Amino acid sequence: MSTRRAIVTVALGVAVSLVSAPAGQAEAACTWTKTAWEMPANTNYGWLVGTNGKYAVGGTGYWQGGPNITNRRGALWENGKLVLQGVEKPNLYDVNASGLVVGQDIIASKWVGVKVARDGSATVLPSNPAWESFSADLVNNAGDIVGTADVGTRETVVVWPASAPGTYRELSTPDVSSLTLVDVDEQGRIVVDTDSSTGGFVRDTDGQWRKLAAPGPGGYGTPQAIRDGRVVGDVHDSNSYAAAEWNAQGALVRTIRNGALSAKAIGGKGTVGGQRYVGTTRRPVLWRDGVVVDQLATVSEFFTVHGISDDERTLVGSEGMPAHYTCTL
């Protein structure tokens, strides 16, 4: 993306609401306890864009109702504590478990991809002079950075590999009218979303892009996260919607219905976090193999899961303000 067109999330792994128990014993359900995150003074709204491990990037501002948020500023949190705030530029897009932040800034009237230091200063990534603009949108824990570059009317996906500092690779890119980077996993697989009539794609380790399969005529899949080659998101057609899971080749593994809206993140033990309708109320939920394992009764209905800790005992997300919920038994 040349500018951020959608909130994207980097999967932490989903915090499982159940704790493993010895064979023959029932698993004990969690009570989820909320911790609100530190916010700057004179703000009443916050959001997350990228999160992984103990770090998260997003933004803060003041909301008085309606579509507009004033005094918008970027922010970096560490374990819910603000470590960088009040950043108007550069834009902060993602962070990995080592605290490496990536984003986009304007240098000499040109949008460029950057790495961002703790004081908010930006270092421009190496680039091709033919690019009219470019961005750094995603980073995994290995330090691989993924972004896009604009050349004419085309967007090209670019990787700055951690194994070869100072270099970049321009990847073949799906022939679509618009493209939004969504997530990258630790093996370097990438998922993107495109226009609504086409849906999402996954790029496997073989370098091939494959369209996410969807059921029904005119259906399309929208990815939200990828972990170890497993993609989650949602599927839509003209008559229905459902949460969904795919493999790294884009094949549909399962759809989750019964009010399920979307899967948002994946845990280290395979649990999926997302949203579903309970009656007419939209609520967060955890699934495993397509079956609800925790209805998150002690979690606010306004909470959206953005990621979950590797030990699957912490849900990270937002409910108008960034927060996390911790599992206690």
C-alpha atoms as a PDB file:
ATOM      1  CA  MET A   1       0.000   0.000   0.000  1.00  0.00           C
ATOM      2  CA  SER A   2       1.192   3.486  -0.784  1.00  0.00           C
ATOM      3  CA  THR A   3      -0.893   4.817   2.081  1.00  0.00           C
ATOM      4  CA  ARG A   4      -2.586   2.716   4.702  1.00  0.00           C
ATOM      5  CA  ARG A   5      -5.998   1.800   3.326  1.00  0.00           C
ATOM      6  CA  ALA A   6      -7.046  -0.702   5.949  1.00  0.00           C
ATOM      7  CA  ILE A   7      -6.234  -1.722   9.493  1.00  0.00           C
ATOM      8  CA  VAL A   8      -4.070  -4.832   9.283  1.00  0.00           C
ATOM      9  CA  THR A   9      -3.051  -7.213  11.934  1.00  0.00           C
ATOM     10  CA  VAL A  10      -0.117  -9.390  12.506  1.00  0.00           C
ATOM     11  CA  ALA A  11      -1.181 -12.606  14.188  1.00  0.00           C
ATOM     12  CA  LEU A  12       0.250 -13.121  17.624  1.00  0.00           C
ATOM     13  CA  GLY A  13      -1.378 -16.481  17.855  1.00  0.00           C
ATOM     14  CA  VAL A  14      -4.757 -16.578  19.531  1.00  0.00           C
ATOM     15  CA  ALA A  15      -5.071 -16.724  23.260  1.00  0.00           C
ATOM     16  CA  VAL A  16      -6.811 -19.966  23.976  1.00  0.00           C
ATOM     17  CA  SER A  17      -9.540 -19.672  26.542  1.00  0.00           C
ATOM     18  CA  LEU A  18      -9.016 -23.223  27.684  1.00  0.00           C
ATOM     19  CA  VAL A  19      -5.998 -24.626  29.486  1.00  0.00           C
ATOM     20  CA  SER A  20      -4.766 -28.128  28.643  1.00  0.00           C
ATOM     21  CA  ALA A  21      -5.801 -30.726  31.193  1.00  0.00           C
ATOM     22  CA  PRO A  22      -4.659 -34.303  31.770  1.00  0.00           C
ATOM     23  CA  ALA A  23      -6.292 -36.958  29.602  1.00  0.00           C
ATOM     24  CA  GLY A  24      -9.777 -37.830  30.774  1.00  0.00           C
ATOM     25  CA  GLN A  25     -10.303 -34.522  32.580  1.00  0.00           C
ATOM     26  CA  ALA A  26     -12.372 -31.625  31.284  1.00  0.00           C
ATOM     27  CA  GLU A  27     -10.542 -28.443  30.402  1.00  0.00           C
ATOM     28  CA  ALA A  28     -11.193 -25.535  32.743  1.00  0.00           C
ATOM     29  CA  ALA A  29     -12.736 -22.404  31.261  1.00  0.00           C
ATOM     30  CA  CYS A  30     -10.985 -19.067  31.678  1.00  0.00           C
ATOM     31  CA  THR A  31     -12.236 -15.991  33.416  1.00  0.00           C
ATOM     32  CA  TRP A  32     -10.934 -13.135  31.301  1.00  0.00           C
ATOM     33  CA  THR A  33      -9.687 -10.089  33.207  1.00  0.00           C
ATOM     34  CA  LYS A  34      -9.303  -6.780  31.365  1.00  0.00           C
ATOM     35  CA  THR A  35      -6.277  -4.483  31.485  1.00  0.00           C
ATOM     36  CA  ALA A  36      -6.797  -1.055  29.859  1.00  0.00           C
ATOM     37  CA  TRP A  37      -3.779   0.379  28.040  1.00  0.00           C
ATOM     38  CA  GLU A  38      -2.098   3.688  28.766  1.00  0.00           C
ATOM     39  CA  MET A  39      -3.403   6.538  26.639  1.00  0.00           C
ATOM     40  CA  PRO A  40      -2.171  10.118  26.086  1.00  0.00           C
ATOM     41  CA  ALA A  41      -3.954  12.950  27.889  1.00  0.00           C
ATOM     42  CA  ASN A  42      -6.938  14.525  26.103  1.00  0.00           C
ATOM     43  CA  THR A  43      -7.702  11.432  24.023  1.00  0.00           C
ATOM     44  CA  ASN A  44     -10.736   9.188  24.223  1.00  0.00           C
ATOM     45  CA  TYR A  45     -10.218   6.787  21.333  1.00  0.00           C
ATOM     46  CA  GLY A  46      -7.490   4.394  20.273  1.00  0.00           C
ATOM     47  CA  TRP A  47      -6.950   1.653  17.708  1.00  0.00           C
ATOM     48  CA  LEU A  48      -4.439  -1.055  16.842  1.00  0.00           C
ATOM     49  CA  VAL A  49      -2.864  -1.608  13.452  1.00  0.00           C
ATOM     50  CA  GLY A  50      -0.103  -4.124  14.118  1.00  0.00           C
ATOM     51  CA  THR A  51       0.715  -6.214  17.164  1.00  0.00           C
ATOM     52  CA  ASN A  52       3.067  -9.032  17.992  1.00  0.00           C
ATOM     53  CA  GLY A  53       4.246 -10.279  21.341  1.00  0.00           C
ATOM     54  CA  LYS A  54       4.605  -7.496  23.874  1.00  0.00           C
ATOM     55  CA  TYR A  55       4.531  -4.617  21.348  1.00  0.00           C
ATOM     56  CA  ALA A  56       1.696  -2.983  19.424  1.00  0.00           C
ATOM     57  CA  VAL A  57       1.372   0.009  17.102  1.00  0.00           C
ATOM     58  CA  GLY A  58      -1.727   1.987  16.303  1.00  0.00           C
ATOM     59  CA  GLY A  59      -3.115   5.414  16.918  1.00  0.00           C
ATOM     60  CA  THR A  60      -4.949   7.672  19.330  1.00  0.00           C
ATOM     61  CA  GLY A  61      -7.267  10.625  18.972  1.00  0.00           C
ATOM     62  CA  TYR A  62     -10.422  12.357  20.125  1.00  0.00           C
ATOM     63  CA  TRP A  63     -13.826  11.155  18.943  1.00  0.00           C
ATOM     64  CA  GLN A  64     -17.025  13.162  19.417  1.00  0.00           C
ATOM     65  CA  GLY A  65     -19.307  10.906  17.420  1.00  0.00           C
ATOM     66  CA  GLY A  66     -19.723  10.639  13.668  1.00  0.00           C
ATOM     67  CA  PRO A  67     -17.051   9.471  11.222  1.00  0.00           C
ATOM     68  CA  ASN A  68     -14.193  11.777  12.189  1.00  0.00           C
ATOM     69  CA  ILE A  69     -11.445  11.393  14.789  1.00  0.00           C
ATOM     70  CA  THR A  70      -9.501  14.573  15.546  1.00  0.00           C
ATOM     71  CA  ASN A  71      -5.936  14.952  16.831  1.00  0.00           C
ATOM     72  CA  ARG A  72      -4.951  11.621  15.287  1.00  0.00           C
ATOM     73  CA  ARG A  73      -1.471  10.504  16.325  1.00  0.00           C
ATOM     74  CA  GLY A  74       0.523   7.303  16.021  1.00  0.00           C
ATOM     75  CA  ALA A  75       1.519   5.324  19.118  1.00  0.00           C
ATOM     76  CA  LEU A  76       3.713   2.406  20.164  1.00  0.00           C
ATOM     77  CA  TRP A  77       2.843   0.371  23.256  1.00  0.00           C
ATOM     78  CA  GLU A  78       4.957  -2.123  25.188  1.00  0.00           C
ATOM     79  CA  ASN A  79       2.873  -4.420  27.397  1.00  0.00           C
ATOM     80  CA  GLY A  80       0.133  -1.789  27.337  1.00  0.00           C
ATOM     81  CA  LYS A  81       2.438   1.091  28.307  1.00  0.00           C
ATOM     82  CA  LEU A  82       3.049   3.971  25.912  1.00  0.00           C
ATOM     83  CA  VAL A  83       6.669   4.146  24.760  1.00  0.00           C
ATOM     84  CA  LEU A  84       6.101   6.389  21.732  1.00  0.00           C
ATOM     85  CA  GLN A  85       3.178   8.788  21.358  1.00  0.00           C
ATOM     86  CA  GLY A  86       2.091  11.935  19.594  1.00  0.00           C
ATOM     87  CA  VAL A  87       3.608  10.896  16.276  1.00  0.00           C
ATOM     88  CA  GLU A  88       1.937  12.672  13.348  1.00  0.00           C
ATOM     89  CA  LYS A  89       4.537  11.419  10.873  1.00  0.00           C
ATOM     90  CA  PRO A  90       5.800   8.851  10.126  1.00  0.00           C
ATOM     91  CA  ASN A  91       2.786   6.590   9.925  1.00  0.00           C
ATOM     92  CA  LEU A  92       3.278   3.474  12.080  1.00  0.00           C
ATOM     93  CA  TYR A  93       2.030   0.288  10.431  1.00  0.00           C
ATOM     94  CA  ASP A  94       3.503  -2.769  12.152  1.00  0.00           C
ATOM     95  CA  VAL A  95       5.891  -4.002  14.851  1.00  0.00           C
ATOM     96  CA  ASN A  96       7.543  -7.341  15.578  1.00  0.00           C
ATOM     97  CA  ALA A  97       8.397  -9.116  18.827  1.00  0.00           C
ATOM     98  CA  SER A  98      11.799  -7.357  18.959  1.00  0.00           C
ATOM     99  CA  GLY A  99      10.165  -3.922  18.789  1.00  0.00           C
ATOM    100  CA  LEU A 100      11.135  -3.233  15.161  1.00  0.00           C
ATOM    101  CA  VAL A 101       8.569  -0.715  13.858  1.00  0.00           C
ATOM    102  CA  VAL A 102       7.889  -0.126  10.159  1.00  0.00           C
ATOM    103  CA  GLY A 103       5.745   2.433   8.396  1.00  0.00           C
ATOM    104  CA  GLN A 104       5.701   5.265   5.896  1.00  0.00           C
ATOM    105  CA  ASP A 105       6.881   8.865   5.827  1.00  0.00           C
ATOM    106  CA  ILE A 106       7.050  11.788   3.406  1.00  0.00           C
ATOM    107  CA  ILE A 107      10.606  12.650   2.392  1.00  0.00           C
ATOM    108  CA  ALA A 108      11.135  15.362  -0.245  1.00  0.00           C
ATOM    109  CA  SER A 109       7.412  15.252  -1.155  1.00  0.00           C
ATOM    110  CA  LYS A 110       7.530  11.488  -1.746  1.00  0.00           C
ATOM    111  CA  TRP A 111       5.929   8.707   0.316  1.00  0.00           C
ATOM    112  CA  VAL A 112       8.622   6.214   1.334  1.00  0.00           C
ATOM    113  CA  GLY A 113       8.858   3.073   3.458  1.00  0.00           C
ATOM    114  CA  VAL A 114      10.748   3.467   6.719  1.00  0.00           C
ATOM    115  CA  LYS A 115      11.959   1.801   9.884  1.00  0.00           C
ATOM    116  CA  VAL A 116      11.022   3.868  12.947  1.00  0.00           C
ATOM    117  CA  ALA A 117      13.152   4.358  16.067  1.00  0.00           C
ATOM    118  CA  ARG A 118      11.874   4.794  19.620  1.00  0.00           C
ATOM    119  CA  ASP A 119      12.191   8.583  19.350  1.00  0.00           C
ATOM    120  CA  GLY A 120       9.994   8.597  16.226  1.00  0.00           C
ATOM    121  CA  SER A 121      12.855   9.227  13.801  1.00  0.00           C
ATOM    122  CA  ALA A 122      12.666   7.362  10.497  1.00  0.00           C
ATOM    123  CA  THR A 123      15.268   5.541   8.387  1.00  0.00           C
ATOM    124  CA  VAL A 124      14.317   5.176   4.738  1.00  0.00           C
ATOM    125  CA  LEU A 125      14.519   1.658   3.298  1.00  0.00           C
ATOM    126  CA  PRO A 126      16.494   1.024   0.094  1.00  0.00           C
ATOM    127  CA  SER A 127      14.404   1.448  -3.031  1.00  0.00           C
ATOM    128  CA  ASN A 128      14.231   1.404  -6.811  1.00  0.00           C
ATOM    129  CA  PRO A 129      14.421   4.917  -8.334  1.00  0.00           C
ATOM    130  CA  ALA A 130      11.606   3.899 -10.681  1.00  0.00           C
ATOM    131  CA  TRP A 131       9.170   3.662  -7.764  1.00  0.00           C
ATOM    132  CA  GLU A 132       6.926   6.711  -7.553  1.00  0.00           C
ATOM    133  CA  SER A 133       6.175   5.915  -3.901  1.00  0.00           C
ATOM    134  CA  PHE A 134       6.489   2.938  -1.595  1.00  0.00           C
ATOM    135  CA  SER A 135       5.579   1.751   1.902  1.00  0.00           C
ATOM    136  CA  ALA A 136       6.683  -0.705   4.585  1.00  0.00           C
ATOM    137  CA  ASP A 137       3.509  -2.327   5.884  1.00  0.00           C
ATOM    138  CA  LEU A 138       4.387  -5.607   7.603  1.00  0.00           C
ATOM    139  CA  VAL A 139       7.266  -7.128   9.561  1.00  0.00           C
ATOM    140  CA  ASN A 140       7.610 -10.630  10.996  1.00  0.00           C
ATOM    141  CA  ASN A 141       9.661 -11.732  13.983  1.00  0.00           C
ATOM    142  CA  ALA A 142      12.547 -12.719  11.721  1.00  0.00           C
ATOM    143  CA  GLY A 143      12.790  -9.058  10.675  1.00  0.00           C
ATOM    144  CA  ASP A 144      11.566  -9.524   7.090  1.00  0.00           C
ATOM    145  CA  ILE A 145       9.754  -6.356   5.983  1.00  0.00           C
ATOM    146  CA  VAL A 146       6.979  -6.415   3.374  1.00  0.00           C
ATOM    147  CA  GLY A 147       5.534  -3.418   1.559  1.00  0.00           C
ATOM    148  CA  THR A 148       4.293  -2.167  -1.785  1.00  0.00           C
ATOM    149  CA  ALA A 149       5.687   0.139  -4.454  1.00  0.00           C
ATOM    150  CA  ASP A 150       3.800   2.193  -7.039  1.00  0.00           C
ATOM    151  CA  VAL A 151       4.966   2.256 -10.625  1.00  0.00           C
ATOM    152  CA  GLY A 152       2.405   3.987 -12.810  1.00  0.00           C
ATOM    153  CA  THR A 153      -0.967   2.362 -12.154  1.00  0.00           C
ATOM    154  CA  ARG A 154       0.557  -0.859 -10.827  1.00  0.00           C
ATOM    155  CA  GLU A 155       1.347  -1.866  -7.263  1.00  0.00           C
ATOM    156  CA  THR A 156       4.229  -4.261  -6.722  1.00  0.00           C
ATOM    157  CA  VAL A 157       4.797  -6.238  -3.524  1.00  0.00           C
ATOM    158  CA  VAL A 158       8.315  -5.719  -2.150  1.00  0.00           C
ATOM    159  CA  VAL A 159      10.294  -7.657   0.477  1.00  0.00           C
ATOM    160  CA  TRP A 160      13.301  -6.320   2.391  1.00  0.00           C
ATOM    161  CA  PRO A 161      14.814  -9.591   3.719  1.00  0.00           C
ATOM    162  CA  ALA A 162      16.423  -9.617   7.161  1.00  0.00           C
ATOM    163  CA  SER A 163      19.003 -12.096   5.849  1.00  0.00           C
ATOM    164  CA  ALA A 164      20.328  -9.575   3.286  1.00  0.00           C
ATOM    165  CA  PRO A 165      20.349  -6.086   4.858  1.00  0.00           C
ATOM    166  CA  GLY A 166      20.328  -3.208   2.396  1.00  0.00           C
ATOM    167  CA  THR A 167      18.616  -5.231  -0.344  1.00  0.00           C
ATOM    168  CA  TYR A 168      15.053  -5.690  -1.564  1.00  0.00           C
ATOM    169  CA  ARG A 169      13.133  -8.050  -3.851  1.00  0.00           C
ATOM    170  CA  GLU A 170      10.275  -7.041  -6.123  1.00  0.00           C
ATOM    171  CA  LEU A 171       7.762  -9.891  -6.244  1.00  0.00           C
ATOM    172  CA  SER A 172       5.376 -10.869  -8.976  1.00  0.00           C
ATOM    173  CA  THR A 173       2.004  -9.457  -7.923  1.00  0.00           C
ATOM    174  CA  PRO A 174      -1.596 -10.471  -8.706  1.00  0.00           C
ATOM    175  CA  ASP A 175      -3.106  -8.533 -11.602  1.00  0.00           C
ATOM    176  CA  VAL A 176      -5.809  -6.684  -9.672  1.00  0.00           C
ATOM    177  CA  SER A 177      -7.151  -3.137  -9.540  1.00  0.00           C
ATOM    178  CA  SER A 178      -6.291  -2.639  -5.865  1.00  0.00           C
ATOM    179  CA  LEU A 179      -4.174  -4.463  -3.323  1.00  0.00           C
ATOM    180  CA  THR A 180      -3.899  -4.274   0.484  1.00  0.00           C
ATOM    181  CA  LEU A 181      -1.245  -6.156   2.410  1.00  0.00           C
ATOM    182  CA  VAL A 182      -2.772  -8.035   5.354  1.00  0.00           C
ATOM    183  CA  ASP A 183      -0.190 -10.273   7.059  1.00  0.00           C
ATOM    184  CA  VAL A 184       3.081 -12.192   6.783  1.00  0.00           C
ATOM    185  CA  ASP A 185       4.022 -15.310   8.738  1.00  0.00           C
ATOM    186  CA  GLU A 186       7.400 -16.418  10.084  1.00  0.00           C
ATOM    187  CA  GLN A 187       8.136 -18.473   6.963  1.00  0.00           C
ATOM    188  CA  GLY A 188       7.554 -15.482   4.688  1.00  0.00           C
ATOM    189  CA  ARG A 189       4.111 -16.382   3.344  1.00  0.00           C
ATOM    190  CA  ILE A 190       2.076 -13.279   2.525  1.00  0.00           C
ATOM    191  CA  VAL A 191      -1.671 -12.668   2.378  1.00  0.00           C
ATOM    192  CA  VAL A 192      -3.269  -9.732   0.588  1.00  0.00           C
ATOM    193  CA  ASP A 193      -6.781  -8.466   0.048  1.00  0.00           C
ATOM    194  CA  THR A 194      -7.963  -6.988  -3.245  1.00  0.00           C
ATOM    195  CA  ASP A 195     -11.189  -5.502  -4.573  1.00  0.00           C
ATOM    196  CA  SER A 196     -14.361  -7.095  -3.217  1.00  0.00           C
ATOM    197  CA  SER A 197     -15.247  -8.886  -6.443  1.00  0.00           C
ATOM    198  CA  THR A 198     -11.917 -10.738  -6.449  1.00  0.00           C
ATOM    199  CA  GLY A 199     -11.079 -11.318  -2.787  1.00  0.00           C
ATOM    200  CA  GLY A 200      -7.800 -12.310  -1.190  1.00  0.00           C
ATOM    201  CA  PHE A 201      -4.651 -14.134  -2.258  1.00  0.00           C
ATOM    202  CA  VAL A 202      -1.957 -16.068  -0.416  1.00  0.00           C
ATOM    203  CA  ARG A 203       1.671 -16.326  -1.557  1.00  0.00           C
ATOM    204  CA  ASP A 204       3.185 -19.608  -0.421  1.00  0.00           C
ATOM    205  CA  THR A 205       6.897 -20.363   0.067  1.00  0.00           C
ATOM    206  CA  ASP A 206       7.031 -21.622  -3.556  1.00  0.00           C
ATOM    207  CA  GLY A 207       6.568 -18.010  -4.697  1.00  0.00           C
ATOM    208  CA  GLN A 208       3.135 -18.591  -6.236  1.00  0.00           C
ATOM    209  CA  TRP A 209       0.086 -16.420  -5.526  1.00  0.00           C
ATOM    210  CA  ARG A 210      -3.177 -18.336  -5.195  1.00  0.00           C
ATOM    211  CA  LYS A 211      -6.680 -16.917  -4.862  1.00  0.00           C
ATOM    212  CA  LEU A 212      -8.511 -17.863  -1.681  1.00  0.00           C
ATOM    213  CA  ALA A 213     -11.293 -20.273  -2.544  1.00  0.00           C
ATOM    214  CA  ALA A 214     -14.872 -19.394  -1.604  1.00  0.00           C
ATOM    215  CA  PRO A 215     -18.115 -21.395  -1.680  1.00  0.00           C
ATOM    216  CA  GLY A 216     -21.069 -20.467  -3.829  1.00  0.00           C
ATOM    217  CA  PRO A 217     -21.379 -18.500  -7.082  1.00  0.00           C
ATOM    218  CA  GLY A 218     -19.825 -15.063  -6.895  1.00  0.00           C
ATOM    219  CA  GLY A 219     -18.234 -15.817  -3.545  1.00  0.00           C
ATOM    220  CA  TYR A 220     -14.947 -14.345  -2.389  1.00  0.00           C
ATOM    221  CA  GLY A 221     -12.652 -14.729   0.600  1.00  0.00           C
ATOM    222  CA  THR A 222     -11.173 -11.951   2.731  1.00  0.00           C
ATOM    223  CA  PRO A 223      -8.022 -12.848   4.722  1.00  0.00           C
ATOM    224  CA  GLN A 224      -7.367 -11.398   8.188  1.00  0.00           C
ATOM    225  CA  ALA A 225      -4.268 -13.295   9.403  1.00  0.00           C
ATOM    226  CA  ILE A 226      -1.791 -16.054   8.587  1.00  0.00           C
ATOM    227  CA  ARG A 227       0.254 -18.259  10.917  1.00  0.00           C
ATOM    228  CA  ASP A 228       2.494 -21.145   9.837  1.00  0.00           C
ATOM    229  CA  GLY A 229       0.706 -21.343   6.496  1.00  0.00           C
ATOM    230  CA  ARG A 230      -2.774 -21.318   7.978  1.00  0.00           C
ATOM    231  CA  VAL A 231      -5.012 -18.444   6.802  1.00  0.00           C
ATOM    232  CA  VAL A 232      -8.152 -17.191   8.561  1.00  0.00           C
ATOM    233  CA  GLY A 233     -10.724 -14.602   7.568  1.00  0.00           C
ATOM    234  CA  ASP A 234     -14.232 -14.613   6.134  1.00  0.00           C
ATOM    235  CA  VAL A 235     -16.148 -15.581   3.002  1.00  0.00           C
ATOM    236  CA  HIS A 236     -19.067 -13.787   1.376  1.00  0.00           C
ATOM    237  CA  ASP A 237     -21.398 -14.278  -1.538  1.00  0.00           C
ATOM    238  CA  SER A 238     -24.618 -12.555  -2.534  1.00  0.00           C
ATOM    239  CA  ASN A 239     -26.648 -14.493   0.026  1.00  0.00           C
ATOM    240  CA  SER A 240     -24.447 -15.413   2.995  1.00  0.00           C
ATOM    241  CA  TYR A 241     -21.338 -14.837   5.087  1.00  0.00           C
ATOM    242  CA  ALA A 242     -19.158 -17.004   7.326  1.00  0.00           C
ATOM    243  CA  ALA A 243     -15.798 -17.149   9.062  1.00  0.00           C
ATOM    244  CA  ALA A 244     -13.298 -19.259   7.150  1.00  0.00           C
ATOM    245  CA  GLU A 245      -9.960 -21.066   7.238  1.00  0.00           C
ATOM    246  CA  TRP A 246      -7.662 -21.855   4.300  1.00  0.00           C
ATOM    247  CA  ASN A 247      -4.368 -23.639   3.790  1.00  0.00           C
ATOM    248  CA  ALA A 248      -1.253 -22.063   2.254  1.00  0.00           C
ATOM    249  CA  GLN A 249      -2.410 -23.054  -1.246  1.00  0.00           C
ATOM    250  CA  GLY A 250      -5.653 -21.109  -0.857  1.00  0.00           C
ATOM    251  CA  ALA A 251      -7.862 -24.194  -0.534  1.00  0.00           C
ATOM    252  CA  LEU A 252     -10.838 -23.724   1.764  1.00  0.00           C
ATOM    253  CA  VAL A 253     -10.390 -25.913   4.855  1.00  0.00           C
ATOM    254  CA  ARG A 254     -13.668 -25.004   6.554  1.00  0.00           C
ATOM    255  CA  THR A 255     -16.359 -22.399   6.884  1.00  0.00           C
ATOM    256  CA  ILE A 256     -17.734 -21.504  10.324  1.00  0.00           C
ATOM    257  CA  ARG A 257     -21.372 -20.460  10.283  1.00  0.00           C
ATOM    258  CA  ASN A 258     -24.103 -20.233  12.954  1.00  0.00           C
ATOM    259  CA  GLY A 259     -23.701 -16.464  13.158  1.00  0.00           C
ATOM    260  CA  ALA A 260     -19.918 -16.395  12.658  1.00  0.00           C
ATOM    261  CA  LEU A 261     -18.775 -13.198  10.958  1.00  0.00           C
ATOM    262  CA  SER A 262     -15.000 -13.358  10.675  1.00  0.00           C
ATOM    263  CA  ALA A 263     -11.894 -15.051  12.060  1.00  0.00           C
ATOM    264  CA  LYS A 264      -9.270 -12.490  13.081  1.00  0.00           C
ATOM    265  CA  ALA A 265      -6.242 -14.295  14.556  1.00  0.00           C
ATOM    266  CA  ILE A 266      -4.680 -17.713  15.135  1.00  0.00           C
ATOM    267  CA  GLY A 267      -3.074 -19.156  18.251  1.00  0.00           C
ATOM    268  CA  GLY A 268      -0.034 -21.342  18.673  1.00  0.00           C
ATOM    269  CA  LYS A 269      -2.247 -24.303  19.586  1.00  0.00           C
ATOM    270  CA  GLY A 270      -4.614 -23.782  16.681  1.00  0.00           C
ATOM    271  CA  THR A 271      -7.376 -21.799  18.343  1.00  0.00           C
ATOM    272  CA  VAL A 272      -8.988 -19.087  16.211  1.00  0.00           C
ATOM    273  CA  GLY A 273     -10.357 -15.803  17.566  1.00  0.00           C
ATOM    274  CA  GLY A 274     -13.008 -13.772  15.812  1.00  0.00           C
ATOM    275  CA  GLN A 275     -16.517 -12.389  15.935  1.00  0.00           C
ATOM    276  CA  ARG A 276     -19.989 -13.847  15.666  1.00  0.00           C
ATOM    277  CA  TYR A 277     -23.601 -12.857  16.262  1.00  0.00           C
ATOM    278  CA  VAL A 278     -25.318 -14.140  19.394  1.00  0.00           C
ATOM    279  CA  GLY A 279     -28.913 -13.265  18.619  1.00  0.00           C
ATOM    280  CA  THR A 280     -28.614  -9.694  17.365  1.00  0.00           C
ATOM    281  CA  THR A 281     -25.500  -8.904  19.422  1.00  0.00           C
ATOM    282  CA  ARG A 282     -22.057  -8.976  17.846  1.00  0.00           C
ATOM    283  CA  ARG A 283     -19.552 -10.635  20.213  1.00  0.00           C
ATOM    284  CA  PRO A 284     -15.946 -11.910  20.288  1.00  0.00           C
ATOM    285  CA  VAL A 285     -15.516 -15.688  20.344  1.00  0.00           C
ATOM    286  CA  LEU A 286     -12.879 -18.430  20.213  1.00  0.00           C
ATOM    287  CA  TRP A 287     -13.112 -21.506  17.960  1.00  0.00           C
ATOM    288  CA  ARG A 288     -11.064 -24.663  17.569  1.00  0.00           C
ATOM    289  CA  ASP A 289     -11.578 -26.846  14.483  1.00  0.00           C
ATOM    290  CA  GLY A 290     -14.665 -24.776  13.730  1.00  0.00           C
ATOM    291  CA  VAL A 291     -16.301 -25.436  17.108  1.00  0.00           C
ATOM    292  CA  VAL A 292     -16.823 -22.742  19.757  1.00  0.00           C
ATOM    293  CA  VAL A 293     -14.502 -23.416  22.721  1.00  0.00           C
ATOM    294  CA  ASP A 294     -15.109 -20.182  24.621  1.00  0.00           C
ATOM    295  CA  GLN A 295     -17.983 -17.731  24.264  1.00  0.00           C
ATOM    296  CA  LEU A 296     -15.888 -15.114  26.122  1.00  0.00           C
ATOM    297  CA  ALA A 297     -18.749 -14.316  28.470  1.00  0.00           C
ATOM    298  CA  THR A 298     -16.537 -12.132  30.683  1.00  0.00           C
ATOM    299  CA  VAL A 299     -15.194 -10.132  27.708  1.00  0.00           C
ATOM    300  CA  SER A 300     -16.933  -6.961  26.511  1.00  0.00           C
ATOM    301  CA  GLU A 301     -19.196  -7.370  23.488  1.00  0.00           C
ATOM    302  CA  PHE A 302     -17.392  -4.359  21.994  1.00  0.00           C
ATOM    303  CA  PHE A 303     -13.969  -6.044  22.120  1.00  0.00           C
ATOM    304  CA  THR A 304     -12.394  -7.017  18.777  1.00  0.00           C
ATOM    305  CA  VAL A 305      -9.618  -9.607  18.904  1.00  0.00           C
ATOM    306  CA  HIS A 306      -6.527  -8.462  17.007  1.00  0.00           C
ATOM    307  CA  GLY A 307      -4.086 -11.034  18.292  1.00  0.00           C
ATOM    308  CA  ILE A 308      -3.286 -13.469  21.039  1.00  0.00           C
ATOM    309  CA  SER A 309      -0.153 -14.366  22.957  1.00  0.00           C
ATOM    310  CA  ASP A 310       1.914 -17.420  22.100  1.00  0.00           C
ATOM    311  CA  ASP A 311       0.999 -19.096  25.384  1.00  0.00           C
ATOM    312  CA  GLU A 312      -2.641 -18.566  24.376  1.00  0.00           C
ATOM    313  CA  ARG A 313      -3.618 -16.876  27.633  1.00  0.00           C
ATOM    314  CA  THR A 314      -3.841 -13.223  26.566  1.00  0.00           C
ATOM    315  CA  LEU A 315      -6.240 -11.625  24.084  1.00  0.00           C
ATOM    316  CA  VAL A 316      -5.034  -8.344  22.584  1.00  0.00           C
ATOM    317  CA  GLY A 317      -7.479  -6.012  20.914  1.00  0.00           C
ATOM    318  CA  SER A 318      -9.599  -2.907  21.136  1.00  0.00           C
ATOM    319  CA  GLU A 319     -13.021  -1.820  22.344  1.00  0.00           C
ATOM    320  CA  GLY A 320     -12.790   1.877  21.544  1.00  0.00           C
ATOM    321  CA  MET A 321      -9.559   1.834  23.554  1.00  0.00           C
ATOM    322  CA  PRO A 322      -6.718  -0.716  23.216  1.00  0.00           C
ATOM    323  CA  ALA A 323      -6.821  -3.363  25.934  1.00  0.00           C
ATOM    324  CA  HIS A 324      -5.920  -6.939  26.680  1.00  0.00           C
ATOM    325  CA  TYR A 325      -7.698  -9.694  28.557  1.00  0.00           C
ATOM    326  CA  THR A 326      -5.755 -12.247  30.600  1.00  0.00           C
ATOM    327  CA  CYS A 327      -6.953 -15.770  31.373  1.00  0.00           C
ATOM    328  CA  THR A 328      -7.351 -16.727  35.029  1.00  0.00           C
ATOM    329  CA  LEU A 329      -8.833 -20.002  36.265  1.00  0.00           C
END
